[in-house]
Amino acid sequence: MSDKIKASHILVEKKSLAEQIIEEINSGAIFAEMARKHSTCPSKKKGGNLGEFGRGAMVKEFETAAFALKKGEMTQMPIKTKFGYHIIKRTK
């Protein structure tokens, strides 16, 4: 298992919105465009790109979900943290 990965995310306040965004992406919407449109994180300017990070850099719930994904995979359920609800896509 890699000690560093790259991921993008979309952060929203409501679980229902996160679920709707996941549905839209699964139906063909582009992840980066959805991040720019909906995310409350400053990373939205970069299409949700968080760059490369290792274990311990993110809150535990986010880290666990991100490291469990394979390259190119996206979470199919919103990941709740103290910041809100995340949709995470592993890019490397």
C-alpha atoms as a PDB file:
ATOM      1  CA  MET A   1       0.000   0.000   0.000  1.00  0.00           C
ATOM      2  CA  SER A   2       1.307   3.399  -0.975  1.00  0.00           C
ATOM      3  CA  ASP A   3       2.341   5.836   1.724  1.00  0.00           C
ATOM      4  CA  LYS A   4       1.310   8.847  -0.410  1.00  0.00           C
ATOM      5  CA  ILE A   5      -1.662   9.323  -2.684  1.00  0.00           C
ATOM      6  CA  LYS A   6      -3.252  12.103  -4.710  1.00  0.00           C
ATOM      7  CA  ALA A   7      -6.910  12.893  -4.388  1.00  0.00           C
ATOM      8  CA  SER A   8      -9.560  15.448  -5.181  1.00  0.00           C
ATOM      9  CA  HIS A   9     -12.687  16.141  -3.189  1.00  0.00           C
ATOM     10  CA  ILE A  10     -15.937  18.028  -3.106  1.00  0.00           C
ATOM     11  CA  LEU A  11     -16.948  19.390   0.299  1.00  0.00           C
ATOM     12  CA  VAL A  12     -20.562  20.347   1.026  1.00  0.00           C
ATOM     13  CA  GLU A  13     -22.594  21.026   4.169  1.00  0.00           C
ATOM     14  CA  LYS A  14     -25.562  18.729   3.491  1.00  0.00           C
ATOM     15  CA  LYS A  15     -25.507  14.958   3.052  1.00  0.00           C
ATOM     16  CA  SER A  16     -28.430  15.163   0.605  1.00  0.00           C
ATOM     17  CA  LEU A  17     -26.457  17.506  -1.678  1.00  0.00           C
ATOM     18  CA  ALA A  18     -23.432  15.203  -1.545  1.00  0.00           C
ATOM     19  CA  GLU A  19     -25.632  12.241  -2.519  1.00  0.00           C
ATOM     20  CA  GLN A  20     -27.109  14.238  -5.406  1.00  0.00           C
ATOM     21  CA  ILE A  21     -23.622  15.194  -6.663  1.00  0.00           C
ATOM     22  CA  ILE A  22     -22.480  11.540  -6.510  1.00  0.00           C
ATOM     23  CA  GLU A  23     -25.525  10.574  -8.614  1.00  0.00           C
ATOM     24  CA  GLU A  24     -24.761  13.303 -11.156  1.00  0.00           C
ATOM     25  CA  ILE A  25     -21.102  12.254 -11.461  1.00  0.00           C
ATOM     26  CA  ASN A  26     -22.120   8.610 -11.838  1.00  0.00           C
ATOM     27  CA  SER A  27     -24.472   9.744 -14.632  1.00  0.00           C
ATOM     28  CA  GLY A  28     -21.665  11.481 -16.524  1.00  0.00           C
ATOM     29  CA  ALA A  29     -21.038  14.853 -14.849  1.00  0.00           C
ATOM     30  CA  ILE A  30     -17.344  15.762 -14.614  1.00  0.00           C
ATOM     31  CA  PHE A  31     -15.914  15.618 -11.080  1.00  0.00           C
ATOM     32  CA  ALA A  32     -13.793  18.792 -11.416  1.00  0.00           C
ATOM     33  CA  GLU A  33     -16.724  20.805 -12.784  1.00  0.00           C
ATOM     34  CA  MET A  34     -18.959  19.645  -9.931  1.00  0.00           C
ATOM     35  CA  ALA A  35     -16.225  20.610  -7.447  1.00  0.00           C
ATOM     36  CA  ARG A  36     -15.954  24.110  -8.922  1.00  0.00           C
ATOM     37  CA  LYS A  37     -19.742  24.493  -8.820  1.00  0.00           C
ATOM     38  CA  HIS A  38     -20.586  23.027  -5.396  1.00  0.00           C
ATOM     39  CA  SER A  39     -17.558  22.650  -3.098  1.00  0.00           C
ATOM     40  CA  THR A  40     -17.116  24.957  -0.111  1.00  0.00           C
ATOM     41  CA  CYS A  41     -13.372  24.162   0.088  1.00  0.00           C
ATOM     42  CA  PRO A  42     -10.818  26.571  -1.429  1.00  0.00           C
ATOM     43  CA  SER A  43      -9.580  23.585  -3.497  1.00  0.00           C
ATOM     44  CA  LYS A  44     -12.673  24.078  -5.676  1.00  0.00           C
ATOM     45  CA  LYS A  45     -10.647  26.562  -7.748  1.00  0.00           C
ATOM     46  CA  LYS A  46      -8.468  23.588  -8.768  1.00  0.00           C
ATOM     47  CA  GLY A  47     -11.417  21.292  -9.442  1.00  0.00           C
ATOM     48  CA  GLY A  48     -11.138  19.881  -5.932  1.00  0.00           C
ATOM     49  CA  ASN A  49      -7.513  18.796  -6.376  1.00  0.00           C
ATOM     50  CA  LEU A  50      -5.792  18.375  -3.005  1.00  0.00           C
ATOM     51  CA  GLY A  51      -2.498  17.233  -4.489  1.00  0.00           C
ATOM     52  CA  GLU A  52      -0.351  14.570  -2.882  1.00  0.00           C
ATOM     53  CA  PHE A  53      -0.562  13.732   0.810  1.00  0.00           C
ATOM     54  CA  GLY A  54       0.462  10.997   3.191  1.00  0.00           C
ATOM     55  CA  ARG A  55      -1.093   9.392   6.204  1.00  0.00           C
ATOM     56  CA  GLY A  56      -1.697  11.790   9.082  1.00  0.00           C
ATOM     57  CA  ALA A  57      -2.204  14.829   6.845  1.00  0.00           C
ATOM     58  CA  MET A  58      -5.997  14.662   6.724  1.00  0.00           C
ATOM     59  CA  VAL A  59      -8.691  14.053   9.339  1.00  0.00           C
ATOM     60  CA  LYS A  60      -9.072  10.349  10.132  1.00  0.00           C
ATOM     61  CA  GLU A  61     -12.411   9.716   8.371  1.00  0.00           C
ATOM     62  CA  PHE A  62     -11.160  11.376   5.187  1.00  0.00           C
ATOM     63  CA  GLU A  63      -7.818   9.569   5.286  1.00  0.00           C
ATOM     64  CA  THR A  64      -9.415   6.150   5.837  1.00  0.00           C
ATOM     65  CA  ALA A  65     -11.783   6.621   2.890  1.00  0.00           C
ATOM     66  CA  ALA A  66      -9.158   8.103   0.554  1.00  0.00           C
ATOM     67  CA  PHE A  67      -6.560   5.393   1.170  1.00  0.00           C
ATOM     68  CA  ALA A  68      -9.210   2.656   0.709  1.00  0.00           C
ATOM     69  CA  LEU A  69      -9.902   3.803  -2.862  1.00  0.00           C
ATOM     70  CA  LYS A  70      -8.042   2.520  -5.914  1.00  0.00           C
ATOM     71  CA  LYS A  71      -6.687   5.018  -8.453  1.00  0.00           C
ATOM     72  CA  GLY A  72      -9.599   6.501 -10.393  1.00  0.00           C
ATOM     73  CA  GLU A  73     -12.239   5.439  -7.865  1.00  0.00           C
ATOM     74  CA  MET A  74     -14.648   7.790  -6.104  1.00  0.00           C
ATOM     75  CA  THR A  75     -16.499   7.297  -2.826  1.00  0.00           C
ATOM     76  CA  GLN A  76     -20.090   6.224  -3.432  1.00  0.00           C
ATOM     77  CA  MET A  77     -21.278   7.502  -0.055  1.00  0.00           C
ATOM     78  CA  PRO A  78     -20.585  10.939   1.441  1.00  0.00           C
ATOM     79  CA  ILE A  79     -17.776  10.861   4.032  1.00  0.00           C
ATOM     80  CA  LYS A  80     -18.721  12.883   7.116  1.00  0.00           C
ATOM     81  CA  THR A  81     -16.036  14.855   8.966  1.00  0.00           C
ATOM     82  CA  LYS A  82     -16.120  17.891  11.224  1.00  0.00           C
ATOM     83  CA  PHE A  83     -15.889  20.006   8.052  1.00  0.00           C
ATOM     84  CA  GLY A  84     -18.987  18.573   6.374  1.00  0.00           C
ATOM     85  CA  TYR A  85     -19.576  15.877   3.761  1.00  0.00           C
ATOM     86  CA  HIS A  86     -16.859  14.892   1.311  1.00  0.00           C
ATOM     87  CA  ILE A  87     -16.945  13.133  -2.016  1.00  0.00           C
ATOM     88  CA  ILE A  88     -13.414  11.855  -2.574  1.00  0.00           C
ATOM     89  CA  LYS A  89     -11.797  10.758  -5.828  1.00  0.00           C
ATOM     90  CA  ARG A  90      -8.359   9.154  -5.750  1.00  0.00           C
ATOM     91  CA  THR A  91      -6.278  10.329  -8.675  1.00  0.00           C
ATOM     92  CA  LYS A  92      -2.961   8.553  -7.928  1.00  0.00           C
END
